Amino acid sequence: MSERVWMDGRVIPAGQAVVPVSDRSFLYGDGLFESVPWESGRLFRWREHWDRLACGARFLGIRIAWSEAEVRDGIRALTAGLGSPQATVRLHLSRGVGPRGYSPRGADSPRLVVTLHPAPAMPKDGWPPLSLKVCRTFAVAAGDPLSAHKSANKLLNVLARAEAEAEGFDEALLVNTDGWVTESSSGNVFWWEEGSLHTPALGLGALPGVTRGAVIDSAHDLGWTVTETGAPPSRLAASQGIFLTFSTRGLVPAGRLDASTVPIDSRQARLQEAFVDRCRREGGGA
């Protein structure tokens, strides 16, 4: 979308934004990223995105060498005069360059890159339902502390999505090594059951998605109960409806899980409206 990139404190042409082949994020996925929705000068839940990046950086032991204010200034510089009213702001933090090998010793110059990307516009009639395939080749490690952080190493997600697409599905549904649903290959998962809304508990291996949190808050705005729990894929297939949440698209229904047709719950539209209203109320200046 943009011909400019904010990289290590400077706005430069995108063609000059290159990293060495010895960068650890390139070599090992040794880094973190965030995707933040931007609309007409507003960043959705910036505080939650920045705090998650900072929390992940502390966990990985990567120093963020630029202040939050400096990064916000960089985002304002990139989005100034942007022709589109919507975009996705992507932050990528790398441990930087270090000696060859897995040891992080000597990698003392972290790199932070901010880029802009097109944001898909929701169709007038809403997002079309997705088809989901349960990934049975790869599983999330139950109890893995890395699952709480948006690390740059997403090979499991890549392979799960590839497996689903190879069989004609849109998305992969991930389970952990205990057989409980965790998330999709690129979003969080919710389902309607017994009059309330359910979502996998974070401790099972689901990423604490920012949009996930906003959806839970939106459901509470409507007076609805949200239960965080464990469930096998068969429970979702027999539910009253499934939807996924993405930072770039919000709520997207699922119409199929493996061979099962899944209904779209009538409450989905009300929750979508409550979510959009919350997005408008919460948007903060870039």
Protein backbone atom coordinates (compact mmCIF):
# COMPACT_ATOMS: atom_id res chain seq x y z
CA MET A 1 0.00 0.00 0.00
CA SER A 2 2.64 2.52 1.04
CA GLU A 3 5.89 3.29 -0.67
CA ARG A 4 7.43 4.23 2.66
CA VAL A 5 8.39 2.22 5.74
CA TRP A 6 9.30 3.25 9.27
CA MET A 7 12.43 1.29 10.12
CA ASP A 8 14.59 1.68 13.20
CA GLY A 9 13.38 5.21 13.87
CA ARG A 10 13.40 6.55 10.29
CA VAL A 11 10.88 6.80 7.48
CA ILE A 12 12.53 5.48 4.33
CA PRO A 13 11.42 4.34 0.86
CA ALA A 14 10.11 0.79 0.92
CA GLY A 15 12.76 -0.24 -1.61
CA GLN A 16 15.48 0.65 0.89
CA ALA A 17 13.89 -1.28 3.76
CA VAL A 18 16.05 -4.39 3.72
CA VAL A 19 17.47 -6.56 6.49
CA PRO A 20 20.71 -8.57 6.52
CA VAL A 21 20.54 -12.29 5.86
CA SER A 22 21.93 -12.75 9.38
CA ASP A 23 18.87 -11.12 10.98
CA ARG A 24 17.57 -13.56 13.60
CA SER A 25 13.91 -13.01 12.78
CA PHE A 26 14.68 -14.02 9.19
CA LEU A 27 16.78 -17.01 10.29
CA TYR A 28 14.80 -18.35 13.25
CA GLY A 29 11.58 -16.39 13.61
CA ASP A 30 13.24 -14.75 16.64
CA GLY A 31 10.88 -11.82 16.97
CA LEU A 32 7.31 -10.62 17.37
CA PHE A 33 4.69 -8.82 15.34
CA GLU A 34 1.41 -6.96 15.72
CA SER A 35 -1.27 -6.06 13.18
CA VAL A 36 -3.24 -2.97 14.21
CA PRO A 37 -6.38 -1.79 12.38
CA TRP A 38 -6.20 1.88 11.34
CA GLU A 39 -9.22 3.84 10.19
CA SER A 40 -9.34 7.56 9.37
CA GLY A 41 -6.53 8.42 11.73
CA ARG A 42 -7.57 6.07 14.53
CA LEU A 43 -5.81 2.94 15.78
CA PHE A 44 -8.09 0.29 17.28
CA ARG A 45 -7.06 -0.72 20.80
CA TRP A 46 -3.54 0.54 20.37
CA ARG A 47 -2.85 0.16 24.09
CA GLU A 48 -3.64 -3.56 24.01
CA HIS A 49 -1.51 -4.13 20.90
CA TRP A 50 1.46 -2.20 22.26
CA ASP A 51 1.23 -3.85 25.67
CA ARG A 52 1.12 -7.30 24.06
CA LEU A 53 4.21 -6.47 22.00
CA ALA A 54 6.00 -5.18 25.12
CA CYS A 55 4.96 -8.26 27.12
CA GLY A 56 6.23 -10.57 24.39
CA ALA A 57 9.49 -8.62 24.16
CA ARG A 58 10.07 -9.05 27.90
CA PHE A 59 9.32 -12.77 27.63
CA LEU A 60 11.77 -13.22 24.73
CA GLY A 61 14.32 -10.87 26.26
CA ILE A 62 14.28 -8.46 23.31
CA ARG A 63 14.75 -4.79 24.02
CA ILE A 64 12.43 -2.33 22.29
CA ALA A 65 14.87 0.43 21.50
CA TRP A 66 12.24 3.01 20.54
CA SER A 67 9.64 4.59 22.78
CA GLU A 68 5.94 4.17 22.22
CA ALA A 69 5.76 7.87 21.36
CA GLU A 70 8.43 7.48 18.67
CA VAL A 71 6.56 4.58 17.12
CA ARG A 72 3.28 6.49 17.18
CA ASP A 73 5.04 9.40 15.46
CA GLY A 74 6.28 6.98 12.82
CA ILE A 75 2.77 5.66 12.22
CA ARG A 76 1.44 9.21 11.85
CA ALA A 77 4.17 9.95 9.31
CA LEU A 78 3.31 6.84 7.28
CA THR A 79 -0.44 7.41 7.31
CA ALA A 80 -0.31 11.16 6.60
CA GLY A 81 -2.13 11.80 3.35
CA LEU A 82 -3.09 8.15 2.93
CA GLY A 83 -5.68 7.88 0.19
CA SER A 84 -7.55 4.96 1.74
CA PRO A 85 -9.67 5.44 4.89
CA GLN A 86 -8.61 2.02 6.18
CA ALA A 87 -5.30 0.21 6.52
CA THR A 88 -3.50 -2.34 8.64
CA VAL A 89 -0.43 -1.14 10.51
CA ARG A 90 2.06 -3.96 11.02
CA LEU A 91 4.83 -3.78 13.60
CA HIS A 92 7.64 -6.32 13.38
CA LEU A 93 10.24 -6.56 16.14
CA SER A 94 13.38 -8.64 15.56
CA ARG A 95 16.18 -9.45 17.97
CA GLY A 96 18.39 -8.24 15.14
CA VAL A 97 21.72 -9.49 13.86
CA GLY A 98 23.86 -11.80 15.93
CA PRO A 99 26.53 -14.48 15.62
CA ARG A 100 25.58 -17.66 13.77
CA GLY A 101 23.74 -20.19 15.95
CA TYR A 102 20.74 -20.36 18.23
CA SER A 103 22.31 -18.52 21.15
CA PRO A 104 20.98 -14.93 21.38
CA ARG A 105 24.27 -13.72 22.87
CA GLY A 106 25.73 -10.88 20.87
CA ALA A 107 22.43 -9.93 19.25
CA ASP A 108 22.28 -6.53 20.91
CA SER A 109 20.77 -4.34 18.18
CA PRO A 110 17.05 -5.06 17.88
CA ARG A 111 15.19 -3.96 14.79
CA LEU A 112 11.65 -2.55 14.61
CA VAL A 113 9.83 -2.13 11.30
CA VAL A 114 6.41 -0.55 10.73
CA THR A 115 4.63 -1.12 7.42
CA LEU A 116 1.19 -0.31 5.99
CA HIS A 117 -1.05 -2.80 4.21
CA PRO A 118 -4.47 -2.64 2.53
CA ALA A 119 -7.39 -3.45 4.79
CA PRO A 120 -10.19 -5.47 3.21
CA ALA A 121 -13.54 -3.68 3.21
CA MET A 122 -16.44 -5.68 4.59
CA PRO A 123 -19.02 -6.45 1.87
CA LYS A 124 -22.41 -4.77 2.19
CA ASP A 125 -24.02 -8.05 3.25
CA GLY A 126 -21.20 -8.97 5.64
CA TRP A 127 -18.35 -11.42 5.30
CA PRO A 128 -19.24 -14.66 3.49
CA PRO A 129 -19.04 -17.78 5.69
CA LEU A 130 -15.71 -19.58 5.80
CA SER A 131 -15.13 -23.31 5.56
CA LEU A 132 -12.97 -24.82 8.30
CA LYS A 133 -10.91 -27.99 8.33
CA VAL A 134 -9.61 -29.48 11.54
CA CYS A 135 -5.84 -29.78 11.27
CA ARG A 136 -4.89 -33.35 12.17
CA THR A 137 -1.24 -33.30 11.10
CA PHE A 138 0.02 -30.56 13.40
CA ALA A 139 -1.03 -29.68 16.95
CA VAL A 140 -0.39 -26.84 19.37
CA ALA A 141 1.66 -27.98 22.37
CA ALA A 142 -0.61 -27.91 25.41
CA GLY A 143 0.77 -25.56 28.05
CA ASP A 144 3.31 -23.96 25.70
CA PRO A 145 4.06 -20.48 27.15
CA LEU A 146 4.96 -19.20 23.68
CA SER A 147 1.31 -19.45 22.64
CA ALA A 148 0.56 -16.36 24.73
CA HIS A 149 2.80 -14.22 22.51
CA LYS A 150 2.53 -13.27 18.84
CA SER A 151 5.92 -14.56 17.83
CA ALA A 152 7.30 -14.32 14.30
CA ASN A 153 7.61 -18.11 14.15
CA LYS A 154 4.29 -19.19 12.65
CA LEU A 155 5.35 -22.28 10.72
CA LEU A 156 2.68 -24.47 12.35
CA ASN A 157 0.02 -21.98 11.28
CA VAL A 158 1.43 -21.80 7.75
CA LEU A 159 1.43 -25.57 7.32
CA ALA A 160 -2.02 -25.97 8.87
CA ARG A 161 -3.46 -23.38 6.48
CA ALA A 162 -1.70 -25.02 3.53
CA GLU A 163 -3.21 -28.38 4.50
CA ALA A 164 -6.69 -26.87 4.69
CA GLU A 165 -6.39 -25.02 1.39
CA ALA A 166 -5.06 -28.11 -0.36
CA GLU A 167 -8.36 -29.81 0.49
CA GLY A 168 -10.50 -26.87 -0.63
CA PHE A 169 -11.10 -25.21 2.74
CA ASP A 170 -10.59 -21.57 3.67
CA GLU A 171 -9.10 -21.94 7.15
CA ALA A 172 -7.59 -24.51 9.49
CA LEU A 173 -8.96 -25.17 12.96
CA LEU A 174 -6.12 -25.96 15.35
CA VAL A 175 -6.25 -28.29 18.32
CA ASN A 176 -3.70 -28.82 21.06
CA THR A 177 -1.97 -32.07 21.96
CA ASP A 178 -4.82 -32.86 24.39
CA GLY A 179 -7.38 -32.60 21.57
CA TRP A 180 -8.96 -29.28 22.58
CA VAL A 181 -9.68 -26.55 20.03
CA THR A 182 -7.34 -23.58 20.44
CA GLU A 183 -7.80 -21.19 17.49
CA SER A 184 -7.77 -21.06 13.71
CA SER A 185 -4.59 -20.69 11.69
CA SER A 186 -4.99 -16.90 11.78
CA GLY A 187 -7.70 -15.96 14.25
CA ASN A 188 -9.54 -16.74 17.46
CA VAL A 189 -12.59 -19.00 17.60
CA PHE A 190 -16.06 -18.56 19.14
CA TRP A 191 -19.16 -20.73 19.03
CA TRP A 192 -22.78 -20.48 20.18
CA GLU A 193 -24.05 -23.19 22.47
CA GLU A 194 -26.84 -23.58 25.03
CA GLY A 195 -27.86 -19.95 24.88
CA SER A 196 -24.41 -18.45 25.44
CA LEU A 197 -21.17 -17.70 23.68
CA HIS A 198 -18.09 -19.89 24.13
CA THR A 199 -14.41 -19.52 23.24
CA PRO A 200 -11.32 -21.63 24.02
CA ALA A 201 -9.60 -20.76 27.29
CA LEU A 202 -6.25 -19.03 26.77
CA GLY A 203 -4.41 -21.64 28.79
CA LEU A 204 -5.22 -24.24 26.14
CA GLY A 205 -2.92 -22.56 23.62
CA ALA A 206 -5.01 -19.77 22.11
CA LEU A 207 -3.40 -16.41 21.47
CA PRO A 208 -4.93 -13.63 23.61
CA GLY A 209 -6.23 -11.82 20.55
CA VAL A 210 -7.00 -8.12 20.84
CA THR A 211 -10.11 -8.52 18.66
CA ARG A 212 -11.06 -11.54 20.79
CA GLY A 213 -11.05 -9.31 23.85
CA ALA A 214 -13.12 -6.65 22.09
CA VAL A 215 -15.70 -9.24 21.06
CA ILE A 216 -15.97 -10.50 24.63
CA ASP A 217 -16.45 -6.92 25.83
CA SER A 218 -19.09 -6.36 23.11
CA ALA A 219 -20.98 -9.47 24.21
CA HIS A 220 -20.94 -8.20 27.79
CA ASP A 221 -22.31 -4.87 26.53
CA LEU A 222 -25.33 -6.84 25.32
CA GLY A 223 -25.66 -8.62 28.64
CA TRP A 224 -24.55 -11.96 27.22
CA THR A 225 -22.46 -14.60 28.96
CA VAL A 226 -19.11 -15.63 27.47
CA THR A 227 -17.65 -18.91 28.70
CA GLU A 228 -13.96 -19.67 28.22
CA THR A 229 -13.62 -23.42 28.11
CA GLY A 230 -12.13 -26.47 26.44
CA ALA A 231 -13.95 -28.33 23.69
CA PRO A 232 -13.14 -30.93 21.02
CA PRO A 233 -13.92 -30.12 17.36
CA SER A 234 -17.02 -32.34 17.47
CA ARG A 235 -18.61 -30.01 20.00
CA LEU A 236 -18.16 -27.04 17.68
CA ALA A 237 -19.54 -29.02 14.74
CA ALA A 238 -22.73 -29.66 16.72
CA SER A 239 -23.04 -26.07 17.94
CA GLN A 240 -25.53 -23.37 16.96
CA GLY A 241 -22.88 -21.43 15.08
CA ILE A 242 -19.17 -20.70 14.80
CA PHE A 243 -17.32 -17.51 13.97
CA LEU A 244 -13.70 -16.43 13.87
CA THR A 245 -12.18 -13.09 14.84
CA PHE A 246 -9.38 -11.38 12.93
CA SER A 247 -7.60 -8.09 13.52
CA THR A 248 -8.13 -7.18 9.85
CA ARG A 249 -11.77 -8.27 9.43
CA GLY A 250 -13.44 -8.46 12.82
CA LEU A 251 -16.08 -11.21 13.08
CA VAL A 252 -16.37 -13.73 10.24
CA PRO A 253 -18.87 -16.63 10.39
CA ALA A 254 -18.05 -20.22 9.54
CA GLY A 255 -20.53 -22.21 7.49
CA ARG A 256 -18.74 -25.54 7.43
CA LEU A 257 -16.49 -27.58 9.70
CA ASP A 258 -15.02 -30.60 7.96
CA ALA A 259 -18.04 -32.45 6.53
CA SER A 260 -20.56 -30.71 8.83
CA THR A 261 -22.69 -27.75 7.76
CA VAL A 262 -22.77 -25.19 10.56
CA PRO A 263 -25.68 -22.74 10.98
CA ILE A 264 -25.18 -19.02 11.47
CA ASP A 265 -26.74 -17.98 14.76
CA SER A 266 -29.22 -15.12 14.58
CA ARG A 267 -27.38 -13.33 17.39
CA GLN A 268 -24.33 -12.93 15.17
CA ALA A 269 -25.69 -9.76 13.56
CA ARG A 270 -26.36 -8.09 16.92
CA LEU A 271 -22.90 -8.93 18.16
CA GLN A 272 -21.37 -7.60 14.92
CA GLU A 273 -23.22 -4.30 15.42
CA ALA A 274 -22.07 -4.06 19.03
CA PHE A 275 -18.49 -4.77 17.97
CA VAL A 276 -18.54 -2.11 15.23
CA ASP A 277 -19.99 0.39 17.70
CA ARG A 278 -17.23 -0.39 20.20
CA CYS A 279 -14.59 0.02 17.49
CA ARG A 280 -15.93 3.48 16.71
CA ARG A 281 -16.03 4.49 20.37
CA GLU A 282 -12.60 3.15 21.22
CA GLY A 283 -10.57 4.25 18.22
CA GLY A 284 -7.64 6.38 19.36
CA GLY A 285 -5.65 8.83 17.30
CA ALA A 286 -2.59 7.48 15.52
